[in-house]
Amino acid sequence: MDGESGFCRDCLTEQAHKAARCTSCGSPRLLRHPELLDLSLAHIDCDSFYASVEKRDNPDLVDKPVIVGGGQRGVVSTCCYIARINGVRSAMPMFKALEACPQAVVVKPRMAHYSEVGGQIREMMRSLTPAVEPLSIDEAFLDLSGTEKLHNSPPAITLARFAKRVEAEIGISVSVGLAPNKFLAKVASDFEKPRGFSIIGAAEAYEFLATQPVSLIWGVGKAMQAKLHGDNIRMICDLQKREEADLIRAYGSMGMRLSRLSKGQDFRRVESRGAAKSVSSETTFNTDYFSPEDLVPILRAQAERVSERLKKKHIAGQTVVLKLKTADFKTRTRNTTLPDPTQLADRMFRVGRAMLEKEMDGTRFRLLGIGVSDLQSDETADPGDLIDEDATKRAAVERAMDSVRHKFGGEAVEFGLTFGRKKRGAQIEVKE
């Protein structure tokens, strides 16, 4: 394959540079670019991930506009492309989303399930290259340099093959951006969603960026846009014309970032990440809470969810972390390091409750979370307590409850505290 040819994204056969459709399968999804064989850094992004998983799991939703989100003060977590055509956008208040698309089906998020599906895709990415840098549950950078012999194909074809595999085995689609660096790869992956595969080459980057608004650059939000507009900088070409030193004087370290990214320069490497450093569960409430009667049952339910994940993965954490967010969006984080690691809900809950009680001074909270860090094998977790015999008994009861749940289902047996949590309508999100 030379720089003037390309390949079909559906059957992966090589195509002559003048063909309009695949000469083998007739597909119009042909990929060509002068730097097609030279690029190896990619950004892969699942298309409308949460909504796609919901449609995969419930075929009745396939042709309907789907919004994932909810709650009295809820916002749109994500939505399918049908809903987007009707004006729905991520982070939009739910009431506005339903005004724009009243026929939409609203589905409550299932974060633990999405994490599981995202983990499956992540493992598939790691089969391509060890250089995988996750950005979120549904997107990651990959560096496929030096993998040509391993996969018997250039990175572009390896990525196209990967996209087909995700659709066939996972049941959702992804979009791929291929470029010389991370910034351009992420920009490219947004071009042709869904099922996109776009390339920005080094030779074209400067001229391409010149025609784009400054909002295309990472970190340029509404406040930064307003500041730049006030200085007559609206398009990236306006940044390209400024000296880097002038931009640094005007905007500090952000000025250097603006100068370099405006020219398509990004020297960051793909940094692969190892195992999870923490496991946690957090809840954003429909109503602000301040009393133990409301907060403690939710904390207990969260501890059980974290415990379930730890036990499933045969790991434990030695530091218990409590997270709170006040009604005015200020975050409080408290932690306690234990003498030995734990994976028991009871132990996490009791330590977390002690930290929580110190914060309950009438402050109203919109978010509560608990988790563990300093993860390690569960081989030395939760030894018998020779001082507190009741703790040992509670641990035995918890493990007996685990056995019942494993046999009859997760809600076969519950504490009264967690049963009370359900009446509050709190949604639990497990994070890693």
Protein backbone atom coordinates (compact mmCIF):
# COMPACT_ATOMS: atom_id res chain seq x y z
CA MET A 1 0.00 0.00 0.00
CA ASP A 2 1.40 3.43 -0.90
CA GLY A 3 0.45 6.94 0.19
CA GLU A 4 -1.90 7.41 -2.73
CA SER A 5 -3.90 4.27 -2.04
CA GLY A 6 -6.07 3.39 0.92
CA PHE A 7 -8.28 0.66 2.31
CA CYS A 8 -11.91 -0.17 2.93
CA ARG A 9 -12.96 0.22 6.56
CA ASP A 10 -15.57 -2.53 6.19
CA CYS A 11 -13.63 -5.35 4.53
CA LEU A 12 -10.11 -3.91 5.03
CA THR A 13 -9.01 -4.60 1.45
CA GLU A 14 -6.57 -2.24 -0.26
CA GLN A 15 -8.10 0.26 -2.68
CA ALA A 16 -6.76 2.16 -5.65
CA HIS A 17 -6.63 5.91 -5.06
CA LYS A 18 -9.31 6.68 -7.67
CA ALA A 19 -11.95 4.23 -6.50
CA ALA A 20 -15.14 5.81 -5.09
CA ARG A 21 -16.39 2.57 -3.55
CA CYS A 22 -14.69 -0.57 -2.35
CA THR A 23 -13.84 -2.76 -5.29
CA SER A 24 -14.45 -5.82 -3.12
CA CYS A 25 -17.58 -5.15 -1.04
CA GLY A 26 -18.96 -1.93 -2.55
CA SER A 27 -18.74 0.08 0.67
CA PRO A 28 -18.20 3.84 0.39
CA ARG A 29 -16.27 3.86 3.68
CA LEU A 30 -12.81 4.16 2.18
CA LEU A 31 -9.91 5.65 4.13
CA ARG A 32 -7.14 7.54 2.32
CA HIS A 33 -4.57 10.05 3.44
CA PRO A 34 -1.03 10.97 2.35
CA GLU A 35 0.26 10.12 5.85
CA LEU A 36 -1.92 7.03 6.30
CA LEU A 37 1.07 4.69 6.74
CA ASP A 38 3.17 7.07 8.83
CA LEU A 39 0.90 7.77 11.81
CA SER A 40 0.58 5.61 14.90
CA LEU A 41 -0.97 7.73 17.67
CA ALA A 42 -4.74 7.45 18.03
CA HIS A 43 -7.63 8.60 20.15
CA ILE A 44 -10.51 6.15 20.40
CA ASP A 45 -13.88 7.37 21.67
CA CYS A 46 -17.01 5.26 22.10
CA ASP A 47 -20.00 6.79 20.34
CA SER A 48 -22.64 8.10 22.76
CA PHE A 49 -21.44 5.40 25.14
CA TYR A 50 -24.09 5.19 27.89
CA ALA A 51 -26.97 5.51 25.43
CA SER A 52 -25.37 2.98 23.08
CA VAL A 53 -25.07 0.44 25.89
CA GLU A 54 -28.72 0.98 26.81
CA LYS A 55 -29.82 0.48 23.20
CA ARG A 56 -27.69 -2.62 22.92
CA ASP A 57 -29.26 -4.08 26.05
CA ASN A 58 -32.83 -3.09 25.09
CA PRO A 59 -33.51 -3.42 21.33
CA ASP A 60 -36.87 -1.65 21.79
CA LEU A 61 -34.87 1.58 22.20
CA VAL A 62 -32.87 1.27 18.97
CA ASP A 63 -34.97 3.66 16.87
CA LYS A 64 -35.98 5.98 19.74
CA PRO A 65 -34.33 9.11 21.12
CA VAL A 66 -32.66 8.05 24.38
CA ILE A 67 -31.45 10.30 27.17
CA VAL A 68 -29.36 8.92 30.00
CA GLY A 69 -29.78 11.00 33.14
CA GLY A 70 -32.58 11.99 35.48
CA GLY A 71 -33.50 13.27 38.90
CA GLN A 72 -35.24 16.45 40.00
CA ARG A 73 -32.10 18.53 39.54
CA GLY A 74 -30.66 16.12 37.00
CA VAL A 75 -28.84 16.85 33.82
CA VAL A 76 -28.25 14.85 30.66
CA SER A 77 -25.30 12.51 31.17
CA THR A 78 -25.36 11.60 27.51
CA CYS A 79 -27.88 11.04 24.75
CA CYS A 80 -28.09 9.15 21.50
CA TYR A 81 -27.67 10.80 18.12
CA ILE A 82 -31.41 10.80 17.46
CA ALA A 83 -31.88 12.93 20.57
CA ARG A 84 -29.02 15.20 19.49
CA ILE A 85 -30.73 15.87 16.19
CA ASN A 86 -33.65 17.18 18.26
CA GLY A 87 -31.41 19.60 20.15
CA VAL A 88 -30.47 17.58 23.24
CA ARG A 89 -26.89 17.95 24.50
CA SER A 90 -24.80 16.48 27.29
CA ALA A 91 -24.89 18.49 30.55
CA MET A 92 -28.20 20.11 29.51
CA PRO A 93 -30.75 20.39 32.35
CA MET A 94 -33.22 17.55 32.01
CA PHE A 95 -36.28 19.80 31.82
CA LYS A 96 -34.76 21.66 28.86
CA ALA A 97 -33.84 18.38 27.18
CA LEU A 98 -37.43 17.16 27.44
CA GLU A 99 -38.71 20.47 26.11
CA ALA A 100 -36.49 20.01 23.06
CA CYS A 101 -37.33 16.33 22.64
CA PRO A 102 -40.54 15.43 24.54
CA GLN A 103 -40.72 11.99 22.91
CA ALA A 104 -37.35 10.97 24.37
CA VAL A 105 -37.01 7.91 26.58
CA VAL A 106 -35.16 8.80 29.79
CA VAL A 107 -33.02 6.04 31.29
CA LYS A 108 -31.34 6.26 34.68
CA PRO A 109 -27.56 5.77 34.54
CA ARG A 110 -26.14 2.34 35.41
CA MET A 111 -22.58 3.36 36.14
CA ALA A 112 -21.37 0.02 37.42
CA HIS A 113 -22.62 -1.64 34.23
CA TYR A 114 -21.03 1.01 32.01
CA SER A 115 -17.75 0.54 33.88
CA GLU A 116 -17.88 -3.17 33.19
CA VAL A 117 -18.48 -2.65 29.46
CA GLY A 118 -15.80 0.04 29.34
CA GLY A 119 -13.39 -2.37 31.02
CA GLN A 120 -14.03 -4.95 28.32
CA ILE A 121 -13.19 -2.42 25.62
CA ARG A 122 -10.11 -1.32 27.55
CA GLU A 123 -8.79 -4.87 27.59
CA MET A 124 -9.35 -5.09 23.84
CA MET A 125 -7.29 -1.90 23.45
CA ARG A 126 -4.46 -3.42 25.48
CA SER A 127 -4.38 -6.37 23.09
CA LEU A 128 -3.27 -3.87 20.43
CA THR A 129 -0.55 -2.12 22.44
CA PRO A 130 0.56 -1.74 26.06
CA ALA A 131 0.64 2.04 25.50
CA VAL A 132 -2.98 2.79 26.41
CA GLU A 133 -3.84 5.98 28.32
CA PRO A 134 -7.48 6.07 29.44
CA LEU A 135 -9.11 9.48 29.64
CA SER A 136 -12.46 8.28 30.92
CA ILE A 137 -14.64 5.20 31.00
CA ASP A 138 -15.17 5.31 27.22
CA GLU A 139 -12.11 6.92 25.62
CA ALA A 140 -8.35 6.50 25.53
CA PHE A 141 -5.17 7.38 23.68
CA LEU A 142 -3.18 4.56 22.08
CA ASP A 143 0.33 4.58 20.70
CA LEU A 144 0.79 1.76 18.19
CA SER A 145 4.41 2.57 17.30
CA GLY A 146 6.35 -0.60 16.56
CA THR A 147 3.29 -2.87 16.40
CA GLU A 148 3.35 -3.48 12.64
CA LYS A 149 5.07 -6.87 12.89
CA LEU A 150 2.90 -7.91 15.84
CA HIS A 151 -0.36 -7.29 13.96
CA ASN A 152 1.01 -7.78 10.45
CA SER A 153 -0.49 -4.45 9.43
CA PRO A 154 0.13 -0.72 9.78
CA PRO A 155 -1.55 1.03 12.75
CA ALA A 156 -4.35 2.47 10.60
CA ILE A 157 -5.56 -0.99 9.52
CA THR A 158 -5.06 -2.38 13.04
CA LEU A 159 -7.33 0.39 14.37
CA ALA A 160 -9.98 -0.21 11.71
CA ARG A 161 -9.92 -3.91 12.54
CA PHE A 162 -10.31 -3.01 16.23
CA ALA A 163 -13.38 -0.85 15.52
CA LYS A 164 -15.01 -3.73 13.65
CA ARG A 165 -14.21 -6.09 16.52
CA VAL A 166 -15.80 -3.79 19.12
CA GLU A 167 -19.00 -3.61 17.08
CA ALA A 168 -19.11 -7.37 16.61
CA GLU A 169 -18.20 -8.44 20.15
CA ILE A 170 -19.39 -5.56 22.36
CA GLY A 171 -22.28 -4.30 20.26
CA ILE A 172 -21.46 -0.58 20.21
CA SER A 173 -19.50 1.62 17.82
CA VAL A 174 -16.36 3.71 18.27
CA SER A 175 -14.77 6.61 16.43
CA VAL A 176 -11.04 6.84 15.77
CA GLY A 177 -8.75 9.83 15.36
CA LEU A 178 -5.25 9.22 13.96
CA ALA A 179 -2.62 11.98 14.09
CA PRO A 180 0.97 12.86 14.99
CA ASN A 181 0.08 13.81 18.59
CA LYS A 182 -2.56 13.58 21.28
CA PHE A 183 -4.18 16.97 20.72
CA LEU A 184 -4.73 16.42 17.01
CA ALA A 185 -5.83 12.80 17.51
CA LYS A 186 -8.56 13.85 19.95
CA VAL A 187 -9.72 16.58 17.59
CA ALA A 188 -9.82 14.10 14.71
CA SER A 189 -11.91 11.53 16.59
CA ASP A 190 -14.78 14.05 16.78
CA PHE A 191 -14.96 14.69 13.04
CA GLU A 192 -17.32 12.03 11.70
CA LYS A 193 -19.16 10.55 14.67
CA PRO A 194 -20.62 7.99 14.87
CA ARG A 195 -18.42 5.24 13.42
CA GLY A 196 -15.87 7.79 12.31
CA PHE A 197 -12.22 7.35 11.37
CA SER A 198 -10.46 10.63 10.66
CA ILE A 199 -6.85 11.61 10.12
CA ILE A 200 -5.03 14.90 10.67
CA GLY A 201 -1.53 14.75 9.24
CA ALA A 202 1.48 16.77 10.32
CA ALA A 203 1.69 18.56 6.97
CA GLU A 204 -1.87 19.88 7.11
CA ALA A 205 -2.22 20.58 10.84
CA TYR A 206 -1.22 24.27 10.83
CA GLU A 207 -3.55 25.28 7.99
CA PHE A 208 -6.40 23.17 9.32
CA LEU A 209 -6.18 24.69 12.79
CA ALA A 210 -6.05 28.22 11.41
CA THR A 211 -9.68 27.95 10.30
CA GLN A 212 -10.98 26.69 13.67
CA PRO A 213 -12.38 28.66 16.63
CA VAL A 214 -10.25 28.98 19.76
CA SER A 215 -12.78 26.83 21.63
CA LEU A 216 -11.31 23.81 19.83
CA ILE A 217 -8.26 23.99 22.11
CA TRP A 218 -8.40 21.97 25.33
CA GLY A 219 -8.93 24.15 28.38
CA VAL A 220 -10.55 27.02 26.51
CA GLY A 221 -13.95 27.13 28.19
CA LYS A 222 -16.50 29.92 28.20
CA ALA A 223 -14.54 32.13 30.61
CA MET A 224 -11.30 31.79 28.63
CA GLN A 225 -13.16 32.33 25.36
CA ALA A 226 -14.57 35.59 26.69
CA LYS A 227 -11.11 36.72 27.76
CA LEU A 228 -9.62 35.86 24.38
CA HIS A 229 -12.48 37.49 22.51
CA GLY A 230 -11.88 40.63 24.54
CA ASP A 231 -8.34 40.63 23.15
CA ASN A 232 -9.62 40.14 19.57
CA ILE A 233 -8.63 36.47 19.50
CA ARG A 234 -11.51 34.43 18.14
CA MET A 235 -9.95 32.01 15.67
CA ILE A 236 -6.88 29.87 16.11
CA CYS A 237 -5.21 31.80 13.30
CA ASP A 238 -5.32 34.83 15.63
CA LEU A 239 -3.21 32.86 18.11
CA GLN A 240 -0.82 31.69 15.41
CA LYS A 241 -0.02 35.32 14.59
CA ARG A 242 0.97 36.18 18.18
CA GLU A 243 4.43 35.67 19.61
CA GLU A 244 4.57 32.98 22.29
CA ALA A 245 6.22 35.40 24.72
CA ASP A 246 3.33 37.84 24.29
CA LEU A 247 0.77 35.14 24.96
CA ILE A 248 2.66 34.04 28.07
CA ARG A 249 2.71 37.61 29.38
CA ALA A 250 -1.01 37.93 28.76
CA TYR A 251 -2.22 34.51 29.95
CA GLY A 252 0.59 32.96 31.96
CA SER A 253 1.27 29.23 31.51
CA MET A 254 -1.97 28.97 29.52
CA GLY A 255 -0.38 31.32 26.98
CA MET A 256 2.36 28.80 26.21
CA ARG A 257 -0.27 26.09 25.82
CA LEU A 258 -2.32 28.27 23.47
CA SER A 259 0.72 29.14 21.38
CA ARG A 260 1.90 25.59 20.90
CA LEU A 261 -1.42 23.86 20.40
CA SER A 262 -2.48 26.55 17.91
CA LYS A 263 0.43 25.37 15.75
CA GLY A 264 -0.39 21.70 16.25
CA GLN A 265 2.53 21.14 18.63
CA ASP A 266 1.92 18.65 21.44
CA PHE A 267 4.90 16.78 22.85
CA ARG A 268 3.10 14.74 25.51
CA ARG A 269 3.58 11.00 25.30
CA VAL A 270 0.92 8.37 25.76
CA GLU A 271 1.25 7.29 29.39
CA SER A 272 -0.10 3.84 30.11
CA ARG A 273 -1.71 3.40 33.49
CA GLY A 274 -1.61 0.34 35.69
CA ALA A 275 -4.24 -1.08 37.97
CA ALA A 276 -6.80 1.10 39.70
CA LYS A 277 -5.41 3.15 42.58
CA SER A 278 -8.72 3.37 44.40
CA VAL A 279 -12.27 2.05 44.41
CA SER A 280 -15.09 4.33 45.51
CA SER A 281 -18.81 4.96 45.37
CA GLU A 282 -20.48 8.34 45.42
CA THR A 283 -23.99 9.73 45.25
CA THR A 284 -25.31 13.09 44.07
CA PHE A 285 -28.61 13.76 45.84
CA ASN A 286 -31.86 15.05 44.40
CA THR A 287 -32.20 17.12 47.60
CA ASP A 288 -29.47 18.52 49.84
CA TYR A 289 -29.07 16.52 53.07
CA PHE A 290 -27.61 17.50 56.43
CA SER A 291 -28.94 15.01 58.99
CA PRO A 292 -27.52 11.62 60.06
CA GLU A 293 -30.93 10.05 59.36
CA ASP A 294 -30.46 10.83 55.67
CA LEU A 295 -26.69 10.53 55.20
CA VAL A 296 -25.77 7.46 57.27
CA PRO A 297 -28.00 4.96 55.38
CA ILE A 298 -26.55 6.15 52.08
CA LEU A 299 -23.03 5.80 53.44
CA ARG A 300 -23.77 2.21 54.46
CA ALA A 301 -25.10 1.36 50.99
CA GLN A 302 -22.02 2.86 49.37
CA ALA A 303 -19.70 0.89 51.62
CA GLU A 304 -21.46 -2.29 50.59
CA ARG A 305 -21.06 -1.49 46.92
CA VAL A 306 -17.33 -0.77 47.34
CA SER A 307 -16.94 -3.94 49.38
CA GLU A 308 -18.66 -5.98 46.69
CA ARG A 309 -16.22 -4.72 44.06
CA LEU A 310 -13.18 -5.33 46.25
CA LYS A 311 -14.21 -8.89 47.06
CA LYS A 312 -14.94 -9.64 43.43
CA LYS A 313 -11.44 -8.52 42.42
CA HIS A 314 -9.70 -10.04 45.46
CA ILE A 315 -8.18 -6.74 46.53
CA ALA A 316 -8.34 -4.58 49.66
CA GLY A 317 -7.58 -0.99 50.60
CA GLN A 318 -5.72 0.34 53.61
CA THR A 319 -6.95 3.94 53.52
CA VAL A 320 -10.65 4.78 53.83
CA VAL A 321 -11.57 8.01 52.02
CA LEU A 322 -14.71 10.08 52.66
CA LYS A 323 -15.83 12.62 50.07
CA LEU A 324 -18.43 15.35 50.57
CA LYS A 325 -19.62 18.19 48.38
CA THR A 326 -21.53 21.02 50.01
CA ALA A 327 -24.61 22.71 48.60
CA ASP A 328 -22.36 25.51 47.30
CA PHE A 329 -20.17 22.96 45.45
CA LYS A 330 -17.19 22.98 47.82
CA THR A 331 -15.51 19.58 48.14
CA ARG A 332 -14.32 18.08 51.42
CA THR A 333 -12.11 14.99 51.46
CA ARG A 334 -11.19 13.13 54.66
CA ASN A 335 -9.19 9.92 55.04
CA THR A 336 -8.15 7.40 57.68
CA THR A 337 -5.35 4.88 57.22
CA LEU A 338 -6.00 1.51 58.86
CA PRO A 339 -3.43 -0.75 60.53
CA ASP A 340 -4.24 -3.46 57.97
CA PRO A 341 -6.13 -3.46 54.64
CA THR A 342 -9.86 -4.07 54.47
CA GLN A 343 -12.52 -5.17 52.03
CA LEU A 344 -15.33 -5.36 54.60
CA ALA A 345 -18.32 -3.06 54.23
CA ASP A 346 -18.79 -2.95 58.00
CA ARG A 347 -15.28 -1.72 58.65
CA MET A 348 -15.37 0.89 55.88
CA PHE A 349 -18.75 2.09 57.04
CA ARG A 350 -17.76 2.50 60.70
CA VAL A 351 -14.58 4.37 59.83
CA GLY A 352 -16.44 6.49 57.29
CA ARG A 353 -19.26 7.28 59.71
CA ALA A 354 -16.76 8.47 62.33
CA MET A 355 -15.32 10.91 59.77
CA LEU A 356 -18.80 11.92 58.60
CA GLU A 357 -20.01 12.72 62.11
CA LYS A 358 -17.24 15.32 62.48
CA GLU A 359 -18.55 17.11 59.38
CA MET A 360 -22.24 17.15 60.32
CA ASP A 361 -22.50 20.64 61.80
CA GLY A 362 -25.64 21.69 59.97
CA THR A 363 -23.90 21.98 56.59
CA ARG A 364 -26.08 20.77 53.74
CA PHE A 365 -24.49 18.33 51.32
CA ARG A 366 -25.31 17.56 47.69
CA LEU A 367 -22.85 14.66 47.35
CA LEU A 368 -21.51 11.91 49.59
CA GLY A 369 -18.97 9.24 48.74
CA ILE A 370 -16.75 6.64 50.35
CA GLY A 371 -13.92 4.52 49.02
CA VAL A 372 -10.55 2.99 49.71
CA SER A 373 -7.08 3.67 48.34
CA ASP A 374 -3.65 2.05 48.83
CA LEU A 375 -4.97 -1.05 47.09
CA GLN A 376 -3.27 -4.41 47.53
CA SER A 377 -3.97 -8.13 47.55
CA ASP A 378 -6.64 -9.33 49.97
CA GLU A 379 -4.33 -12.00 51.39
CA THR A 380 -3.62 -9.95 54.55
CA ALA A 381 -6.97 -8.17 54.73
CA ASP A 382 -9.17 -8.02 57.83
CA PRO A 383 -7.43 -10.29 60.35
CA GLY A 384 -9.44 -11.26 63.41
CA ASP A 385 -9.70 -8.49 66.01
CA LEU A 386 -8.44 -9.79 69.36
CA ILE A 387 -9.53 -6.62 71.16
CA ASP A 388 -12.97 -6.04 69.64
CA GLU A 389 -14.63 -9.46 69.54
CA ASP A 390 -17.81 -7.88 68.18
CA ALA A 391 -15.88 -6.76 65.08
CA THR A 392 -14.90 -10.35 64.41
CA LYS A 393 -18.51 -11.44 64.79
CA ARG A 394 -19.72 -8.70 62.44
CA ALA A 395 -17.14 -9.80 59.88
CA ALA A 396 -18.44 -13.36 60.10
CA VAL A 397 -22.02 -12.14 59.65
CA GLU A 398 -21.01 -10.08 56.61
CA ARG A 399 -19.31 -13.04 54.95
CA ALA A 400 -22.39 -15.18 55.63
CA MET A 401 -24.53 -12.47 53.98
CA ASP A 402 -22.14 -12.49 51.02
CA SER A 403 -22.73 -16.23 50.62
CA VAL A 404 -26.50 -15.73 50.64
CA ARG A 405 -26.28 -12.91 48.10
CA HIS A 406 -24.02 -14.96 45.85
CA LYS A 407 -26.55 -17.78 45.86
CA PHE A 408 -29.85 -15.86 45.74
CA GLY A 409 -28.98 -12.42 44.35
CA GLY A 410 -27.64 -9.08 45.58
CA GLU A 411 -30.79 -8.02 47.42
CA ALA A 412 -31.62 -11.37 49.03
CA VAL A 413 -30.55 -10.01 52.42
CA GLU A 414 -30.01 -6.39 53.46
CA PHE A 415 -29.36 -4.25 56.49
CA GLY A 416 -32.20 -2.03 57.67
CA LEU A 417 -30.03 1.01 56.97
CA THR A 418 -29.58 0.20 53.28
CA PHE A 419 -33.25 -0.65 52.93
CA GLY A 420 -34.04 2.84 54.21
CA ARG A 421 -31.73 4.33 51.59
CA LYS A 422 -34.03 3.15 48.79
CA LYS A 423 -36.85 5.36 49.99
CA ARG A 424 -34.61 8.39 49.39
CA GLY A 425 -34.11 7.53 45.75
CA ALA A 426 -30.35 7.94 45.99
CA GLN A 427 -28.37 6.71 43.01
CA ILE A 428 -25.13 4.88 43.69
CA GLU A 429 -22.20 5.25 41.30
CA VAL A 430 -19.19 2.99 41.70
CA LYS A 431 -15.90 4.41 40.49
CA GLU A 432 -12.41 3.06 40.04
